[in-house]
Amino acid sequence: MSRILITGIGYVGFELCKLYANSGHKIIAIDNQLYPKRIAFLEQNNIKFYQKDLFNLKDLLPDTDVVIHTSGITSVPQTKETSND
């Protein structure tokens, strides 16, 4: 049984959580946003959720075998606003 950390519970991350929900692996999901319906699903399926920033994972990494990184900024206006171009 692997311990899998999924960063971000947007579309891709949440689909992975659903895929792994009954796989026998220990799943941990993080996101800095709150998605109440998604978090309820995670809790119902024994997936541990932490609301935390991607850059603050040091405490979770020792208990993790695999990290699946799916988090990222998906807001095009925000990305353009903070771009260096």
C-alpha atoms as a PDB file:
ATOM      1  CA  MET A   1       0.000   0.000   0.000  1.00  0.00           C
ATOM      2  CA  SER A   2       1.499   3.300  -1.117  1.00  0.00           C
ATOM      3  CA  ARG A   3       1.024   6.686   0.513  1.00  0.00           C
ATOM      4  CA  ILE A   4       0.108   9.122  -2.255  1.00  0.00           C
ATOM      5  CA  LEU A   5       0.026  12.911  -1.946  1.00  0.00           C
ATOM      6  CA  ILE A   6      -2.073  14.732  -4.543  1.00  0.00           C
ATOM      7  CA  THR A   7      -1.467  18.461  -4.818  1.00  0.00           C
ATOM      8  CA  GLY A   8      -4.565  20.351  -5.872  1.00  0.00           C
ATOM      9  CA  ILE A   9      -8.138  19.128  -5.977  1.00  0.00           C
ATOM     10  CA  GLY A  10      -9.135  20.949  -9.134  1.00  0.00           C
ATOM     11  CA  TYR A  11     -10.517  18.875 -11.984  1.00  0.00           C
ATOM     12  CA  VAL A  12      -7.513  16.581 -12.528  1.00  0.00           C
ATOM     13  CA  GLY A  13      -6.582  16.219  -8.861  1.00  0.00           C
ATOM     14  CA  PHE A  14     -10.155  15.478  -7.836  1.00  0.00           C
ATOM     15  CA  GLU A  15     -10.555  12.888 -10.599  1.00  0.00           C
ATOM     16  CA  LEU A  16      -7.391  11.193  -9.320  1.00  0.00           C
ATOM     17  CA  CYS A  17      -8.808  11.226  -5.786  1.00  0.00           C
ATOM     18  CA  LYS A  18     -11.968   9.533  -7.081  1.00  0.00           C
ATOM     19  CA  LEU A  19      -9.863   6.990  -8.971  1.00  0.00           C
ATOM     20  CA  TYR A  20      -7.743   6.126  -5.928  1.00  0.00           C
ATOM     21  CA  ALA A  21     -10.599   6.348  -3.388  1.00  0.00           C
ATOM     22  CA  ASN A  22     -11.097   2.582  -3.062  1.00  0.00           C
ATOM     23  CA  SER A  23      -7.690   1.434  -4.232  1.00  0.00           C
ATOM     24  CA  GLY A  24      -6.287   0.496  -0.828  1.00  0.00           C
ATOM     25  CA  HIS A  25      -3.675   3.253  -0.973  1.00  0.00           C
ATOM     26  CA  LYS A  26      -3.467   5.950   1.684  1.00  0.00           C
ATOM     27  CA  ILE A  27      -4.359   9.189  -0.106  1.00  0.00           C
ATOM     28  CA  ILE A  28      -3.624  12.702   1.126  1.00  0.00           C
ATOM     29  CA  ALA A  29      -4.890  15.699  -0.838  1.00  0.00           C
ATOM     30  CA  ILE A  30      -3.943  19.345  -0.413  1.00  0.00           C
ATOM     31  CA  ASP A  31      -5.232  22.577  -1.865  1.00  0.00           C
ATOM     32  CA  ASN A  32      -5.139  26.177  -0.716  1.00  0.00           C
ATOM     33  CA  GLN A  33      -8.771  26.613  -1.780  1.00  0.00           C
ATOM     34  CA  LEU A  34     -11.868  25.165  -0.121  1.00  0.00           C
ATOM     35  CA  TYR A  35     -14.270  23.122  -2.225  1.00  0.00           C
ATOM     36  CA  PRO A  36     -16.922  21.950   0.287  1.00  0.00           C
ATOM     37  CA  LYS A  37     -18.537  19.275  -1.921  1.00  0.00           C
ATOM     38  CA  ARG A  38     -15.180  17.862  -2.945  1.00  0.00           C
ATOM     39  CA  ILE A  39     -13.882  17.894   0.617  1.00  0.00           C
ATOM     40  CA  ALA A  40     -17.035  16.063   1.760  1.00  0.00           C
ATOM     41  CA  PHE A  41     -16.330  13.375  -0.851  1.00  0.00           C
ATOM     42  CA  LEU A  42     -12.728  13.081   0.342  1.00  0.00           C
ATOM     43  CA  GLU A  43     -13.809  12.703   3.965  1.00  0.00           C
ATOM     44  CA  GLN A  44     -16.449  10.089   3.051  1.00  0.00           C
ATOM     45  CA  ASN A  45     -13.757   8.084   1.273  1.00  0.00           C
ATOM     46  CA  ASN A  46     -11.094   8.287   4.000  1.00  0.00           C
ATOM     47  CA  ILE A  47      -8.896  10.675   2.019  1.00  0.00           C
ATOM     48  CA  LYS A  48      -7.137  13.109   4.305  1.00  0.00           C
ATOM     49  CA  PHE A  49      -7.442  16.740   3.186  1.00  0.00           C
ATOM     50  CA  TYR A  50      -5.258  19.638   4.264  1.00  0.00           C
ATOM     51  CA  GLN A  51      -5.940  23.211   3.282  1.00  0.00           C
ATOM     52  CA  LYS A  52      -2.401  24.367   2.739  1.00  0.00           C
ATOM     53  CA  ASP A  53      -0.141  25.961   0.211  1.00  0.00           C
ATOM     54  CA  LEU A  54       1.973  23.894  -2.144  1.00  0.00           C
ATOM     55  CA  PHE A  55       5.127  25.500  -0.760  1.00  0.00           C
ATOM     56  CA  ASN A  56       4.357  24.290   2.766  1.00  0.00           C
ATOM     57  CA  LEU A  57       4.609  20.506   2.378  1.00  0.00           C
ATOM     58  CA  LYS A  58       7.668  19.727   4.451  1.00  0.00           C
ATOM     59  CA  ASP A  59       5.630  18.100   7.224  1.00  0.00           C
ATOM     60  CA  LEU A  60       3.752  15.784   4.818  1.00  0.00           C
ATOM     61  CA  LEU A  61       6.651  14.536   2.708  1.00  0.00           C
ATOM     62  CA  PRO A  62       8.180  12.100   5.239  1.00  0.00           C
ATOM     63  CA  ASP A  63       4.887  10.127   5.209  1.00  0.00           C
ATOM     64  CA  THR A  64       4.600  10.094   1.413  1.00  0.00           C
ATOM     65  CA  ASP A  65       5.805   7.545  -1.131  1.00  0.00           C
ATOM     66  CA  VAL A  66       4.482   9.283  -4.258  1.00  0.00           C
ATOM     67  CA  VAL A  67       3.618  12.906  -5.049  1.00  0.00           C
ATOM     68  CA  ILE A  68       1.252  13.609  -7.928  1.00  0.00           C
ATOM     69  CA  HIS A  69       1.476  17.317  -8.665  1.00  0.00           C
ATOM     70  CA  THR A  70      -1.699  18.674 -10.254  1.00  0.00           C
ATOM     71  CA  SER A  71      -1.964  22.106  -8.661  1.00  0.00           C
ATOM     72  CA  GLY A  72      -1.443  25.277 -10.631  1.00  0.00           C
ATOM     73  CA  ILE A  73      -2.948  28.622 -11.468  1.00  0.00           C
ATOM     74  CA  THR A  74      -5.783  28.165 -13.924  1.00  0.00           C
ATOM     75  CA  SER A  75      -7.128  31.705 -13.903  1.00  0.00           C
ATOM     76  CA  VAL A  76      -6.036  33.202 -17.226  1.00  0.00           C
ATOM     77  CA  PRO A  77      -6.695  36.845 -16.167  1.00  0.00           C
ATOM     78  CA  GLN A  78      -4.674  36.317 -12.972  1.00  0.00           C
ATOM     79  CA  THR A  79      -1.843  34.665 -14.899  1.00  0.00           C
ATOM     80  CA  LYS A  80      -1.683  37.510 -17.426  1.00  0.00           C
ATOM     81  CA  GLU A  81      -1.777  40.099 -14.634  1.00  0.00           C
ATOM     82  CA  THR A  82       1.196  38.564 -12.803  1.00  0.00           C
ATOM     83  CA  SER A  83       3.179  37.643 -15.920  1.00  0.00           C
ATOM     84  CA  ASN A  84       6.579  39.242 -16.573  1.00  0.00           C
ATOM     85  CA  ASP A  85       5.799  39.691 -20.286  1.00  0.00           C
END
